[in-house]
Amino acid sequence: MPKRHPAPASGNRPTDASPAPDQHRLTLSCTAALIAFPALGTVLATAGVPIVDIAPLLASCAAVGLATVLLAGSGRRLAVFVASIVLRITQ
């Protein structure tokens, strides 16, 4: 392994570069959604709700969650792009 030369110290900055966090991790919110949607669908199906009503309900919940993540994650350009596609499809 090649030897790393430390950067010159300036102020309170650390001299050793820390690795960037992994952007493709499975987070708690993703895991919760992967567990909650099938569980909610199963509970609704066993309660007697028709499957025809369950699928649109879960799809709209997923759409609201996606919109929230896009807007909160400062993905405004992506949110505008998705909104424009939805408007084109519905017109």
PDB file of N, CA and C in Angstrom:
ATOM      1  N   MET A   1       0.847  -1.171   0.000  1.00  0.00           N
ATOM      2  CA  MET A   1       0.000   0.000   0.000  1.00  0.00           C
ATOM      3  C   MET A   1       0.890   1.230   0.000  1.00  0.00           C
ATOM      4  N   PRO A   2       0.626   2.184  -0.909  1.00  0.00           N
ATOM      5  CA  PRO A   2       1.484   3.366  -0.972  1.00  0.00           C
ATOM      6  C   PRO A   2       1.315   4.232   0.264  1.00  0.00           C
ATOM      7  N   LYS A   3       2.400   4.885   0.605  1.00  0.00           N
ATOM      8  CA  LYS A   3       2.398   5.747   1.781  1.00  0.00           C
ATOM      9  C   LYS A   3       1.722   7.070   1.435  1.00  0.00           C
ATOM     10  N   ARG A   4       0.805   7.509   2.319  1.00  0.00           N
ATOM     11  CA  ARG A   4       0.082   8.756   2.103  1.00  0.00           C
ATOM     12  C   ARG A   4       0.835   9.895   2.759  1.00  0.00           C
ATOM     13  N   HIS A   5       0.922  10.993   2.040  1.00  0.00           N
ATOM     14  CA  HIS A   5       1.536  12.182   2.588  1.00  0.00           C
ATOM     15  C   HIS A   5       0.443  13.071   3.152  1.00  0.00           C
ATOM     16  N   PRO A   6       0.531  13.438   4.415  1.00  0.00           N
ATOM     17  CA  PRO A   6      -0.525  14.278   4.987  1.00  0.00           C
ATOM     18  C   PRO A   6      -0.515  15.671   4.373  1.00  0.00           C
ATOM     19  N   ALA A   7      -1.709  16.226   4.281  1.00  0.00           N
ATOM     20  CA  ALA A   7      -1.863  17.583   3.762  1.00  0.00           C
ATOM     21  C   ALA A   7      -1.338  18.558   4.814  1.00  0.00           C
ATOM     22  N   PRO A   8      -0.911  19.725   4.394  1.00  0.00           N
ATOM     23  CA  PRO A   8      -0.423  20.691   5.367  1.00  0.00           C
ATOM     24  C   PRO A   8      -1.537  21.090   6.341  1.00  0.00           C
ATOM     25  N   ALA A   9      -1.178  21.166   7.606  1.00  0.00           N
ATOM     26  CA  ALA A   9      -2.157  21.512   8.633  1.00  0.00           C
ATOM     27  C   ALA A   9      -2.498  22.988   8.543  1.00  0.00           C
ATOM     28  N   SER A  10      -3.783  23.275   8.584  1.00  0.00           N
ATOM     29  CA  SER A  10      -4.223  24.665   8.584  1.00  0.00           C
ATOM     30  C   SER A  10      -5.449  24.786   9.468  1.00  0.00           C
ATOM     31  N   GLY A  11      -5.346  25.528  10.519  1.00  0.00           N
ATOM     32  CA  GLY A  11      -6.470  25.731  11.427  1.00  0.00           C
ATOM     33  C   GLY A  11      -6.837  24.457  12.163  1.00  0.00           C
ATOM     34  N   ASN A  12      -8.114  24.207  12.271  1.00  0.00           N
ATOM     35  CA  ASN A  12      -8.608  23.030  12.981  1.00  0.00           C
ATOM     36  C   ASN A  12      -8.969  21.881  12.050  1.00  0.00           C
ATOM     37  N   ARG A  13      -8.600  21.986  10.793  1.00  0.00           N
ATOM     38  CA  ARG A  13      -8.923  20.926   9.849  1.00  0.00           C
ATOM     39  C   ARG A  13      -8.050  19.722  10.110  1.00  0.00           C
ATOM     40  N   PRO A  14      -8.644  18.534  10.043  1.00  0.00           N
ATOM     41  CA  PRO A  14      -7.817  17.331  10.229  1.00  0.00           C
ATOM     42  C   PRO A  14      -6.889  17.136   9.034  1.00  0.00           C
ATOM     43  N   THR A  15      -5.747  16.564   9.298  1.00  0.00           N
ATOM     44  CA  THR A  15      -4.777  16.352   8.223  1.00  0.00           C
ATOM     45  C   THR A  15      -5.051  15.067   7.468  1.00  0.00           C
ATOM     46  N   ASP A  16      -5.749  14.133   8.068  1.00  0.00           N
ATOM     47  CA  ASP A  16      -6.031  12.865   7.415  1.00  0.00           C
ATOM     48  C   ASP A  16      -7.426  12.923   6.820  1.00  0.00           C
ATOM     49  N   ALA A  17      -7.536  12.678   5.531  1.00  0.00           N
ATOM     50  CA  ALA A  17      -8.839  12.752   4.865  1.00  0.00           C
ATOM     51  C   ALA A  17      -9.673  11.542   5.258  1.00  0.00           C
ATOM     52  N   SER A  18     -10.891  11.797   5.707  1.00  0.00           N
ATOM     53  CA  SER A  18     -11.787  10.699   6.065  1.00  0.00           C
ATOM     54  C   SER A  18     -12.547  10.280   4.817  1.00  0.00           C
ATOM     55  N   PRO A  19     -12.894   9.007   4.707  1.00  0.00           N
ATOM     56  CA  PRO A  19     -13.604   8.551   3.512  1.00  0.00           C
ATOM     57  C   PRO A  19     -15.014   9.126   3.463  1.00  0.00           C
ATOM     58  N   ALA A  20     -15.492   9.329   2.261  1.00  0.00           N
ATOM     59  CA  ALA A  20     -16.850   9.861   2.072  1.00  0.00           C
ATOM     60  C   ALA A  20     -17.864   8.797   2.482  1.00  0.00           C
ATOM     61  N   PRO A  21     -18.974   9.216   3.074  1.00  0.00           N
ATOM     62  CA  PRO A  21     -19.988   8.227   3.454  1.00  0.00           C
ATOM     63  C   PRO A  21     -20.598   7.572   2.224  1.00  0.00           C
ATOM     64  N   ASP A  22     -20.984   6.327   2.385  1.00  0.00           N
ATOM     65  CA  ASP A  22     -21.581   5.577   1.282  1.00  0.00           C
ATOM     66  C   ASP A  22     -22.983   6.101   1.006  1.00  0.00           C
ATOM     67  N   GLN A  23     -23.226   6.558  -0.207  1.00  0.00           N
ATOM     68  CA  GLN A  23     -24.508   7.140  -0.567  1.00  0.00           C
ATOM     69  C   GLN A  23     -25.541   6.084  -0.948  1.00  0.00           C
ATOM     70  N   HIS A  24     -25.147   4.834  -1.074  1.00  0.00           N
ATOM     71  CA  HIS A  24     -26.055   3.793  -1.536  1.00  0.00           C
ATOM     72  C   HIS A  24     -26.361   2.788  -0.430  1.00  0.00           C
ATOM     73  N   ARG A  25     -26.485   3.277   0.789  1.00  0.00           N
ATOM     74  CA  ARG A  25     -26.809   2.399   1.901  1.00  0.00           C
ATOM     75  C   ARG A  25     -28.312   2.187   1.980  1.00  0.00           C
ATOM     76  N   LEU A  26     -28.705   1.107   2.597  1.00  0.00           N
ATOM     77  CA  LEU A  26     -30.107   0.857   2.884  1.00  0.00           C
ATOM     78  C   LEU A  26     -30.403   1.494   4.234  1.00  0.00           C
ATOM     79  N   THR A  27     -31.161   2.574   4.229  1.00  0.00           N
ATOM     80  CA  THR A  27     -31.408   3.329   5.450  1.00  0.00           C
ATOM     81  C   THR A  27     -32.620   2.784   6.192  1.00  0.00           C
ATOM     82  N   LEU A  28     -32.833   3.305   7.395  1.00  0.00           N
ATOM     83  CA  LEU A  28     -33.951   2.867   8.217  1.00  0.00           C
ATOM     84  C   LEU A  28     -35.285   3.178   7.560  1.00  0.00           C
ATOM     85  N   SER A  29     -35.393   4.340   6.928  1.00  0.00           N
ATOM     86  CA  SER A  29     -36.663   4.690   6.278  1.00  0.00           C
ATOM     87  C   SER A  29     -36.958   3.763   5.106  1.00  0.00           C
ATOM     88  N   CYS A  30     -35.950   3.386   4.344  1.00  0.00           N
ATOM     89  CA  CYS A  30     -36.165   2.444   3.239  1.00  0.00           C
ATOM     90  C   CYS A  30     -36.562   1.073   3.762  1.00  0.00           C
ATOM     91  N   THR A  31     -35.895   0.635   4.813  1.00  0.00           N
ATOM     92  CA  THR A  31     -36.203  -0.659   5.399  1.00  0.00           C
ATOM     93  C   THR A  31     -37.609  -0.674   5.984  1.00  0.00           C
ATOM     94  N   ALA A  32     -37.993   0.412   6.640  1.00  0.00           N
ATOM     95  CA  ALA A  32     -39.329   0.481   7.223  1.00  0.00           C
ATOM     96  C   ALA A  32     -40.394   0.419   6.135  1.00  0.00           C
ATOM     97  N   ALA A  33     -40.156   1.086   5.015  1.00  0.00           N
ATOM     98  CA  ALA A  33     -41.124   1.042   3.918  1.00  0.00           C
ATOM     99  C   ALA A  33     -41.207  -0.354   3.315  1.00  0.00           C
ATOM    100  N   LEU A  34     -40.063  -1.026   3.186  1.00  0.00           N
ATOM    101  CA  LEU A  34     -40.067  -2.382   2.637  1.00  0.00           C
ATOM    102  C   LEU A  34     -40.824  -3.359   3.524  1.00  0.00           C
ATOM    103  N   ILE A  35     -40.855  -3.086   4.811  1.00  0.00           N
ATOM    104  CA  ILE A  35     -41.571  -3.955   5.747  1.00  0.00           C
ATOM    105  C   ILE A  35     -43.029  -3.511   5.886  1.00  0.00           C
ATOM    106  N   ALA A  36     -43.267  -2.209   5.934  1.00  0.00           N
ATOM    107  CA  ALA A  36     -44.602  -1.692   6.236  1.00  0.00           C
ATOM    108  C   ALA A  36     -45.598  -1.924   5.110  1.00  0.00           C
ATOM    109  N   PHE A  37     -45.204  -1.749   3.859  1.00  0.00           N
ATOM    110  CA  PHE A  37     -46.167  -1.878   2.771  1.00  0.00           C
ATOM    111  C   PHE A  37     -46.712  -3.296   2.625  1.00  0.00           C
ATOM    112  N   PRO A  38     -45.871  -4.328   2.597  1.00  0.00           N
ATOM    113  CA  PRO A  38     -46.450  -5.680   2.546  1.00  0.00           C
ATOM    114  C   PRO A  38     -47.249  -6.020   3.806  1.00  0.00           C
ATOM    115  N   ALA A  39     -46.786  -5.546   4.956  1.00  0.00           N
ATOM    116  CA  ALA A  39     -47.514  -5.826   6.201  1.00  0.00           C
ATOM    117  C   ALA A  39     -48.883  -5.150   6.182  1.00  0.00           C
ATOM    118  N   LEU A  40     -48.935  -3.898   5.749  1.00  0.00           N
ATOM    119  CA  LEU A  40     -50.205  -3.187   5.679  1.00  0.00           C
ATOM    120  C   LEU A  40     -51.139  -3.838   4.656  1.00  0.00           C
ATOM    121  N   GLY A  41     -50.616  -4.239   3.526  1.00  0.00           N
ATOM    122  CA  GLY A  41     -51.427  -4.935   2.531  1.00  0.00           C
ATOM    123  C   GLY A  41     -51.984  -6.243   3.060  1.00  0.00           C
ATOM    124  N   THR A  42     -51.173  -6.982   3.807  1.00  0.00           N
ATOM    125  CA  THR A  42     -51.627  -8.249   4.385  1.00  0.00           C
ATOM    126  C   THR A  42     -52.711  -8.017   5.423  1.00  0.00           C
ATOM    127  N   VAL A  43     -52.517  -7.020   6.290  1.00  0.00           N
ATOM    128  CA  VAL A  43     -53.516  -6.718   7.316  1.00  0.00           C
ATOM    129  C   VAL A  43     -54.827  -6.294   6.680  1.00  0.00           C
ATOM    130  N   LEU A  44     -54.765  -5.444   5.666  1.00  0.00           N
ATOM    131  CA  LEU A  44     -55.987  -5.007   4.994  1.00  0.00           C
ATOM    132  C   LEU A  44     -56.678  -6.166   4.280  1.00  0.00           C
ATOM    133  N   ALA A  45     -55.902  -7.053   3.666  1.00  0.00           N
ATOM    134  CA  ALA A  45     -56.495  -8.201   2.969  1.00  0.00           C
ATOM    135  C   ALA A  45     -57.161  -9.156   3.954  1.00  0.00           C
ATOM    136  N   THR A  46     -56.531  -9.405   5.089  1.00  0.00           N
ATOM    137  CA  THR A  46     -57.145 -10.298   6.079  1.00  0.00           C
ATOM    138  C   THR A  46     -58.346  -9.647   6.758  1.00  0.00           C
ATOM    139  N   ALA A  47     -58.411  -8.305   6.741  1.00  0.00           N
ATOM    140  CA  ALA A  47     -59.562  -7.611   7.323  1.00  0.00           C
ATOM    141  C   ALA A  47     -60.744  -7.593   6.363  1.00  0.00           C
ATOM    142  N   GLY A  48     -60.551  -8.058   5.129  1.00  0.00           N
ATOM    143  CA  GLY A  48     -61.651  -8.152   4.188  1.00  0.00           C
ATOM    144  C   GLY A  48     -61.709  -7.042   3.161  1.00  0.00           C
ATOM    145  N   VAL A  49     -60.706  -6.190   3.115  1.00  0.00           N
ATOM    146  CA  VAL A  49     -60.680  -5.127   2.108  1.00  0.00           C
ATOM    147  C   VAL A  49     -60.313  -5.750   0.766  1.00  0.00           C
ATOM    148  N   PRO A  50     -61.061  -5.446  -0.296  1.00  0.00           N
ATOM    149  CA  PRO A  50     -60.738  -6.032  -1.611  1.00  0.00           C
ATOM    150  C   PRO A  50     -59.366  -5.584  -2.115  1.00  0.00           C
ATOM    151  N   ILE A  51     -58.713  -6.476  -2.815  1.00  0.00           N
ATOM    152  CA  ILE A  51     -57.382  -6.187  -3.363  1.00  0.00           C
ATOM    153  C   ILE A  51     -57.438  -4.992  -4.313  1.00  0.00           C
ATOM    154  N   VAL A  52     -58.554  -4.825  -5.001  1.00  0.00           N
ATOM    155  CA  VAL A  52     -58.715  -3.713  -5.942  1.00  0.00           C
ATOM    156  C   VAL A  52     -58.609  -2.373  -5.211  1.00  0.00           C
ATOM    157  N   ASP A  53     -58.975  -2.333  -3.933  1.00  0.00           N
ATOM    158  CA  ASP A  53     -58.877  -1.100  -3.146  1.00  0.00           C
ATOM    159  C   ASP A  53     -57.527  -0.951  -2.451  1.00  0.00           C
ATOM    160  N   ILE A  54     -56.861  -2.066  -2.175  1.00  0.00           N
ATOM    161  CA  ILE A  54     -55.586  -2.027  -1.446  1.00  0.00           C
ATOM    162  C   ILE A  54     -54.467  -1.479  -2.324  1.00  0.00           C
ATOM    163  N   ALA A  55     -54.387  -1.925  -3.573  1.00  0.00           N
ATOM    164  CA  ALA A  55     -53.287  -1.513  -4.450  1.00  0.00           C
ATOM    165  C   ALA A  55     -53.243  -0.002  -4.673  1.00  0.00           C
ATOM    166  N   PRO A  56     -54.364   0.666  -4.990  1.00  0.00           N
ATOM    167  CA  PRO A  56     -54.281   2.131  -5.150  1.00  0.00           C
ATOM    168  C   PRO A  56     -53.946   2.860  -3.847  1.00  0.00           C
ATOM    169  N   LEU A  57     -54.419   2.339  -2.735  1.00  0.00           N
ATOM    170  CA  LEU A  57     -54.099   2.957  -1.447  1.00  0.00           C
ATOM    171  C   LEU A  57     -52.605   2.905  -1.172  1.00  0.00           C
ATOM    172  N   LEU A  58     -51.997   1.740  -1.356  1.00  0.00           N
ATOM    173  CA  LEU A  58     -50.559   1.615  -1.123  1.00  0.00           C
ATOM    174  C   LEU A  58     -49.755   2.407  -2.149  1.00  0.00           C
ATOM    175  N   ALA A  59     -50.244   2.471  -3.385  1.00  0.00           N
ATOM    176  CA  ALA A  59     -49.542   3.257  -4.405  1.00  0.00           C
ATOM    177  C   ALA A  59     -49.579   4.739  -4.076  1.00  0.00           C
ATOM    178  N   SER A  60     -50.714   5.227  -3.593  1.00  0.00           N
ATOM    179  CA  SER A  60     -50.778   6.648  -3.244  1.00  0.00           C
ATOM    180  C   SER A  60     -49.928   6.952  -2.014  1.00  0.00           C
ATOM    181  N   CYS A  61     -49.867   6.016  -1.059  1.00  0.00           N
ATOM    182  CA  CYS A  61     -48.980   6.208   0.101  1.00  0.00           C
ATOM    183  C   CYS A  61     -47.522   6.269  -0.345  1.00  0.00           C
ATOM    184  N   ALA A  62     -47.143   5.405  -1.277  1.00  0.00           N
ATOM    185  CA  ALA A  62     -45.774   5.413  -1.791  1.00  0.00           C
ATOM    186  C   ALA A  62     -45.486   6.702  -2.543  1.00  0.00           C
ATOM    187  N   ALA A  63     -46.451   7.206  -3.286  1.00  0.00           N
ATOM    188  CA  ALA A  63     -46.252   8.456  -4.029  1.00  0.00           C
ATOM    189  C   ALA A  63     -46.058   9.631  -3.079  1.00  0.00           C
ATOM    190  N   VAL A  64     -46.832   9.678  -2.005  1.00  0.00           N
ATOM    191  CA  VAL A  64     -46.668  10.748  -1.013  1.00  0.00           C
ATOM    192  C   VAL A  64     -45.296  10.640  -0.345  1.00  0.00           C
ATOM    193  N   GLY A  65     -44.882   9.431  -0.015  1.00  0.00           N
ATOM    194  CA  GLY A  65     -43.560   9.238   0.579  1.00  0.00           C
ATOM    195  C   GLY A  65     -42.438   9.647  -0.357  1.00  0.00           C
ATOM    196  N   LEU A  66     -42.562   9.300  -1.629  1.00  0.00           N
ATOM    197  CA  LEU A  66     -41.553   9.687  -2.620  1.00  0.00           C
ATOM    198  C   LEU A  66     -41.483  11.195  -2.764  1.00  0.00           C
ATOM    199  N   ALA A  67     -42.642  11.846  -2.827  1.00  0.00           N
ATOM    200  CA  ALA A  67     -42.656  13.304  -2.949  1.00  0.00           C
ATOM    201  C   ALA A  67     -42.020  13.965  -1.738  1.00  0.00           C
ATOM    202  N   THR A  68     -42.285  13.424  -0.563  1.00  0.00           N
ATOM    203  CA  THR A  68     -41.702  13.982   0.656  1.00  0.00           C
ATOM    204  C   THR A  68     -40.189  13.846   0.656  1.00  0.00           C
ATOM    205  N   VAL A  69     -39.705  12.689   0.272  1.00  0.00           N
ATOM    206  CA  VAL A  69     -38.254  12.468   0.245  1.00  0.00           C
ATOM    207  C   VAL A  69     -37.595  13.358  -0.796  1.00  0.00           C
ATOM    208  N   LEU A  70     -38.216  13.499  -1.956  1.00  0.00           N
ATOM    209  CA  LEU A  70     -37.635  14.342  -3.000  1.00  0.00           C
ATOM    210  C   LEU A  70     -37.565  15.799  -2.568  1.00  0.00           C
ATOM    211  N   LEU A  71     -38.624  16.301  -1.969  1.00  0.00           N
ATOM    212  CA  LEU A  71     -38.635  17.705  -1.572  1.00  0.00           C
ATOM    213  C   LEU A  71     -37.746  17.955  -0.358  1.00  0.00           C
ATOM    214  N   ALA A  72     -37.735  17.036   0.588  1.00  0.00           N
ATOM    215  CA  ALA A  72     -36.912  17.221   1.783  1.00  0.00           C
ATOM    216  C   ALA A  72     -35.432  17.034   1.477  1.00  0.00           C
ATOM    217  N   GLY A  73     -35.123  16.200   0.513  1.00  0.00           N
ATOM    218  CA  GLY A  73     -33.739  15.925   0.164  1.00  0.00           C
ATOM    219  C   GLY A  73     -33.163  16.907  -0.829  1.00  0.00           C
ATOM    220  N   SER A  74     -33.774  18.041  -0.960  1.00  0.00           N
ATOM    221  CA  SER A  74     -33.361  19.116  -1.864  1.00  0.00           C
ATOM    222  C   SER A  74     -33.215  18.630  -3.307  1.00  0.00           C
ATOM    223  N   GLY A  75     -34.053  17.695  -3.679  1.00  0.00           N
ATOM    224  CA  GLY A  75     -34.083  17.237  -5.056  1.00  0.00           C
ATOM    225  C   GLY A  75     -35.172  17.963  -5.810  1.00  0.00           C
ATOM    226  N   ARG A  76     -35.143  19.283  -5.747  1.00  0.00           N
ATOM    227  CA  ARG A  76     -36.216  20.072  -6.348  1.00  0.00           C
ATOM    228  C   ARG A  76     -36.263  19.901  -7.855  1.00  0.00           C
ATOM    229  N   ARG A  77     -35.103  19.832  -8.486  1.00  0.00           N
ATOM    230  CA  ARG A  77     -35.098  19.665  -9.941  1.00  0.00           C
ATOM    231  C   ARG A  77     -35.706  18.322 -10.333  1.00  0.00           C
ATOM    232  N   LEU A  78     -35.378  17.285  -9.565  1.00  0.00           N
ATOM    233  CA  LEU A  78     -35.953  15.976  -9.841  1.00  0.00           C
ATOM    234  C   LEU A  78     -37.451  15.984  -9.570  1.00  0.00           C
ATOM    235  N   ALA A  79     -37.883  16.672  -8.516  1.00  0.00           N
ATOM    236  CA  ALA A  79     -39.305  16.765  -8.206  1.00  0.00           C
ATOM    237  C   ALA A  79     -40.056  17.493  -9.321  1.00  0.00           C
ATOM    238  N   VAL A  80     -39.469  18.543  -9.860  1.00  0.00           N
ATOM    239  CA  VAL A  80     -40.094  19.269 -10.970  1.00  0.00           C
ATOM    240  C   VAL A  80     -40.175  18.376 -12.201  1.00  0.00           C
ATOM    241  N   PHE A  81     -39.134  17.612 -12.446  1.00  0.00           N
ATOM    242  CA  PHE A  81     -39.122  16.689 -13.579  1.00  0.00           C
ATOM    243  C   PHE A  81     -40.227  15.644 -13.440  1.00  0.00           C
ATOM    244  N   VAL A  82     -40.344  15.038 -12.250  1.00  0.00           N
ATOM    245  CA  VAL A  82     -41.371  14.024 -12.020  1.00  0.00           C
ATOM    246  C   VAL A  82     -42.760  14.649 -12.140  1.00  0.00           C
ATOM    247  N   ALA A  83     -42.941  15.848 -11.594  1.00  0.00           N
ATOM    248  CA  ALA A  83     -44.237  16.520 -11.676  1.00  0.00           C
ATOM    249  C   ALA A  83     -44.598  16.825 -13.120  1.00  0.00           C
ATOM    250  N   SER A  84     -43.630  17.236 -13.922  1.00  0.00           N
ATOM    251  CA  SER A  84     -43.923  17.528 -15.324  1.00  0.00           C
ATOM    252  C   SER A  84     -44.305  16.262 -16.084  1.00  0.00           C
ATOM    253  N   ILE A  85     -43.678  15.144 -15.751  1.00  0.00           N
ATOM    254  CA  ILE A  85     -44.047  13.877 -16.390  1.00  0.00           C
ATOM    255  C   ILE A  85     -45.467  13.486 -15.997  1.00  0.00           C
ATOM    256  N   VAL A  86     -45.789  13.642 -14.731  1.00  0.00           N
ATOM    257  CA  VAL A  86     -47.143  13.299 -14.270  1.00  0.00           C
ATOM    258  C   VAL A  86     -48.173  14.184 -14.965  1.00  0.00           C
ATOM    259  N   LEU A  87     -47.876  15.466 -15.104  1.00  0.00           N
ATOM    260  CA  LEU A  87     -48.817  16.354 -15.783  1.00  0.00           C
ATOM    261  C   LEU A  87     -48.979  16.004 -17.257  1.00  0.00           C
ATOM    262  N   ARG A  88     -47.886  15.595 -17.906  1.00  0.00           N
ATOM    263  CA  ARG A  88     -47.982  15.206 -19.312  1.00  0.00           C
ATOM    264  C   ARG A  88     -48.818  13.943 -19.469  1.00  0.00           C
ATOM    265  N   ILE A  89     -48.670  13.013 -18.539  1.00  0.00           N
ATOM    266  CA  ILE A  89     -49.407  11.748 -18.625  1.00  0.00           C
ATOM    267  C   ILE A  89     -50.892  11.979 -18.390  1.00  0.00           C
ATOM    268  N   THR A  90     -51.216  12.848 -17.445  1.00  0.00           N
ATOM    269  CA  THR A  90     -52.628  13.046 -17.087  1.00  0.00           C
ATOM    270  C   THR A  90     -53.372  13.958 -18.046  1.00  0.00           C
ATOM    271  N   GLN A  91     -52.690  14.678 -18.893  1.00  0.00           N
ATOM    272  CA  GLN A  91     -53.384  15.576 -19.832  1.00  0.00           C
ATOM    273  C   GLN A  91     -53.691  14.895 -21.127  1.00  0.00           C
TER     274      GLN A  91
END
